[in-house]
């Protein structure tokens, strides 16, 4: 005990005033870095996919081979505002779909 009080008197005992290591600025820095990482890993790629899908649906034309999100494939025979008619199978069955239900388009080159 004598050694500790002597060390305190000499000033050789290390004291820490702020053990948290940065306070509010450290927390804000970590939150900002986290938001930037989330943006580059999640939000930006989703925006690219949405833009590509929107472009694909806007370039859709009669005669294109399409696949729906349910797995139905066929040829586009009619396009309305937000709806398309797809002809499937040998019996030429016609099914109406919303444009948003189209997953993939294979354009037939003339």
C-alpha atoms as a PDB file:
ATOM      1  CA  UNK A   1       0.000   0.000   0.000  1.00  0.00           C
ATOM      2  CA  UNK A   2       2.898   2.303   0.706  1.00  0.00           C
ATOM      3  CA  UNK A   3       4.210   1.811  -2.839  1.00  0.00           C
ATOM      4  CA  UNK A   4       0.881   2.819  -4.401  1.00  0.00           C
ATOM      5  CA  UNK A   5       0.610   6.028  -2.396  1.00  0.00           C
ATOM      6  CA  UNK A   6       4.234   6.833  -3.253  1.00  0.00           C
ATOM      7  CA  UNK A   7       3.572   6.266  -6.939  1.00  0.00           C
ATOM      8  CA  UNK A   8       0.531   8.556  -6.767  1.00  0.00           C
ATOM      9  CA  UNK A   9       2.587  11.239  -5.052  1.00  0.00           C
ATOM     10  CA  UNK A  10       5.298  10.966  -7.722  1.00  0.00           C
ATOM     11  CA  UNK A  11       2.749  11.072 -10.544  1.00  0.00           C
ATOM     12  CA  UNK A  12       3.792   7.793 -12.144  1.00  0.00           C
ATOM     13  CA  UNK A  13       0.351   6.170 -11.969  1.00  0.00           C
ATOM     14  CA  UNK A  14      -1.354   6.364 -15.375  1.00  0.00           C
ATOM     15  CA  UNK A  15      -4.826   7.818 -15.369  1.00  0.00           C
ATOM     16  CA  UNK A  16      -7.326   7.775 -18.188  1.00  0.00           C
ATOM     17  CA  UNK A  17      -9.807  10.574 -18.468  1.00  0.00           C
ATOM     18  CA  UNK A  18     -11.970   9.113 -21.298  1.00  0.00           C
ATOM     19  CA  UNK A  19     -11.872   5.313 -21.502  1.00  0.00           C
ATOM     20  CA  UNK A  20     -14.552   5.142 -24.236  1.00  0.00           C
ATOM     21  CA  UNK A  21     -12.092   6.278 -26.894  1.00  0.00           C
ATOM     22  CA  UNK A  22     -13.788   9.048 -28.825  1.00  0.00           C
ATOM     23  CA  UNK A  23     -17.194   9.792 -27.447  1.00  0.00           C
ATOM     24  CA  UNK A  24     -19.919  10.967 -29.788  1.00  0.00           C
ATOM     25  CA  UNK A  25     -17.597  11.584 -32.762  1.00  0.00           C
ATOM     26  CA  UNK A  26     -16.427   7.987 -32.748  1.00  0.00           C
ATOM     27  CA  UNK A  27     -20.002   6.736 -32.760  1.00  0.00           C
ATOM     28  CA  UNK A  28     -20.967   9.094 -35.581  1.00  0.00           C
ATOM     29  CA  UNK A  29     -17.940   7.988 -37.589  1.00  0.00           C
ATOM     30  CA  UNK A  30     -18.856   4.307 -37.207  1.00  0.00           C
ATOM     31  CA  UNK A  31     -22.506   4.966 -38.098  1.00  0.00           C
ATOM     32  CA  UNK A  32     -21.497   6.951 -41.173  1.00  0.00           C
ATOM     33  CA  UNK A  33     -19.115   4.212 -42.313  1.00  0.00           C
ATOM     34  CA  UNK A  34     -21.833   1.614 -41.768  1.00  0.00           C
ATOM     35  CA  UNK A  35     -24.337   3.601 -43.867  1.00  0.00           C
ATOM     36  CA  UNK A  36     -21.816   4.001 -46.686  1.00  0.00           C
ATOM     37  CA  UNK A  37     -21.105   0.254 -46.682  1.00  0.00           C
ATOM     38  CA  UNK A  38     -24.842  -0.565 -46.721  1.00  0.00           C
ATOM     39  CA  UNK A  39     -25.350   1.833 -49.640  1.00  0.00           C
ATOM     40  CA  UNK A  40     -22.602   0.261 -51.764  1.00  0.00           C
ATOM     41  CA  UNK A  41     -23.478  -3.349 -50.901  1.00  0.00           C
ATOM     42  CA  UNK A  42     -27.283  -3.227 -51.014  1.00  0.00           C
ATOM     43  CA  UNK A  43     -28.904  -0.082 -52.362  1.00  0.00           C
ATOM     44  CA  UNK A  44     -26.701   0.653 -55.383  1.00  0.00           C
ATOM     45  CA  UNK A  45     -26.854  -2.874 -56.879  1.00  0.00           C
ATOM     46  CA  UNK A  46     -30.648  -2.954 -56.433  1.00  0.00           C
ATOM     47  CA  UNK A  47     -30.987   0.357 -58.270  1.00  0.00           C
ATOM     48  CA  UNK A  48     -28.921  -1.060 -61.145  1.00  0.00           C
ATOM     49  CA  UNK A  49     -31.126  -4.171 -61.339  1.00  0.00           C
ATOM     50  CA  UNK A  50     -34.297  -2.054 -61.291  1.00  0.00           C
ATOM     51  CA  UNK A  51     -32.983   0.207 -64.048  1.00  0.00           C
ATOM     52  CA  UNK A  52     -32.013  -2.792 -66.204  1.00  0.00           C
ATOM     53  CA  UNK A  53     -35.444  -4.420 -65.688  1.00  0.00           C
ATOM     54  CA  UNK A  54     -37.272  -1.199 -66.535  1.00  0.00           C
ATOM     55  CA  UNK A  55     -35.256  -0.813 -69.734  1.00  0.00           C
ATOM     56  CA  UNK A  56     -35.888  -4.452 -70.695  1.00  0.00           C
ATOM     57  CA  UNK A  57     -39.655  -4.042 -70.255  1.00  0.00           C
ATOM     58  CA  UNK A  58     -39.752  -0.769 -72.170  1.00  0.00           C
ATOM     59  CA  UNK A  59     -37.984  -2.401 -75.146  1.00  0.00           C
ATOM     60  CA  UNK A  60     -40.413  -5.362 -75.176  1.00  0.00           C
ATOM     61  CA  UNK A  61     -41.972  -5.939 -78.608  1.00  0.00           C
ATOM     62  CA  UNK A  62     -44.340  -8.351 -80.341  1.00  0.00           C
ATOM     63  CA  UNK A  63     -42.583 -11.598 -81.266  1.00  0.00           C
ATOM     64  CA  UNK A  64     -40.151 -11.620 -78.314  1.00  0.00           C
ATOM     65  CA  UNK A  65     -39.770 -14.824 -76.323  1.00  0.00           C
ATOM     66  CA  UNK A  66     -40.500 -14.146 -72.648  1.00  0.00           C
ATOM     67  CA  UNK A  67     -40.378 -16.055 -69.381  1.00  0.00           C
ATOM     68  CA  UNK A  68     -42.693 -15.087 -66.529  1.00  0.00           C
ATOM     69  CA  UNK A  69     -41.771 -15.107 -62.856  1.00  0.00           C
ATOM     70  CA  UNK A  70     -43.874 -18.274 -62.576  1.00  0.00           C
ATOM     71  CA  UNK A  71     -41.815 -20.040 -65.249  1.00  0.00           C
ATOM     72  CA  UNK A  72     -44.304 -19.823 -68.118  1.00  0.00           C
ATOM     73  CA  UNK A  73     -42.577 -19.222 -71.460  1.00  0.00           C
ATOM     74  CA  UNK A  74     -44.096 -18.027 -74.683  1.00  0.00           C
ATOM     75  CA  UNK A  75     -44.143 -15.488 -77.470  1.00  0.00           C
ATOM     76  CA  UNK A  76     -45.546 -11.972 -77.072  1.00  0.00           C
ATOM     77  CA  UNK A  77     -48.535 -11.442 -79.395  1.00  0.00           C
ATOM     78  CA  UNK A  78     -50.030  -8.226 -78.011  1.00  0.00           C
ATOM     79  CA  UNK A  79     -48.807  -5.341 -75.852  1.00  0.00           C
ATOM     80  CA  UNK A  80     -51.137  -2.924 -74.067  1.00  0.00           C
ATOM     81  CA  UNK A  81     -50.216  -0.226 -71.561  1.00  0.00           C
ATOM     82  CA  UNK A  82     -49.204  -2.378 -68.603  1.00  0.00           C
ATOM     83  CA  UNK A  83     -50.355  -5.753 -69.879  1.00  0.00           C
ATOM     84  CA  UNK A  84     -49.049  -8.204 -72.459  1.00  0.00           C
ATOM     85  CA  UNK A  85     -50.564 -11.274 -74.083  1.00  0.00           C
ATOM     86  CA  UNK A  86     -48.305 -14.313 -74.375  1.00  0.00           C
ATOM     87  CA  UNK A  87     -48.957 -17.263 -76.670  1.00  0.00           C
ATOM     88  CA  UNK A  88     -47.767 -20.584 -75.253  1.00  0.00           C
ATOM     89  CA  UNK A  89     -47.638 -24.224 -76.375  1.00  0.00           C
ATOM     90  CA  UNK A  90     -48.608 -25.875 -79.622  1.00  0.00           C
ATOM     91  CA  UNK A  91     -52.322 -25.226 -78.960  1.00  0.00           C
ATOM     92  CA  UNK A  92     -51.543 -21.487 -79.063  1.00  0.00           C
ATOM     93  CA  UNK A  93     -52.990 -20.787 -75.640  1.00  0.00           C
ATOM     94  CA  UNK A  94     -53.048 -17.052 -74.912  1.00  0.00           C
ATOM     95  CA  UNK A  95     -52.349 -15.780 -71.402  1.00  0.00           C
ATOM     96  CA  UNK A  96     -52.462 -12.171 -70.222  1.00  0.00           C
ATOM     97  CA  UNK A  97     -49.685 -10.978 -67.892  1.00  0.00           C
ATOM     98  CA  UNK A  98     -48.762  -7.721 -66.265  1.00  0.00           C
ATOM     99  CA  UNK A  99     -45.442  -6.406 -67.548  1.00  0.00           C
ATOM    100  CA  UNK A 100     -44.058  -6.606 -64.025  1.00  0.00           C
ATOM    101  CA  UNK A 101     -44.563 -10.408 -64.094  1.00  0.00           C
ATOM    102  CA  UNK A 102     -41.974 -10.837 -66.875  1.00  0.00           C
ATOM    103  CA  UNK A 103     -38.597 -12.069 -65.635  1.00  0.00           C
ATOM    104  CA  UNK A 104     -36.627 -12.555 -68.852  1.00  0.00           C
ATOM    105  CA  UNK A 105     -36.894 -11.412 -72.471  1.00  0.00           C
ATOM    106  CA  UNK A 106     -35.147 -13.050 -75.413  1.00  0.00           C
ATOM    107  CA  UNK A 107     -35.438 -10.699 -78.364  1.00  0.00           C
ATOM    108  CA  UNK A 108     -35.955 -12.403 -81.708  1.00  0.00           C
ATOM    109  CA  UNK A 109     -33.707 -10.805 -84.317  1.00  0.00           C
ATOM    110  CA  UNK A 110     -35.293 -10.410 -87.748  1.00  0.00           C
END
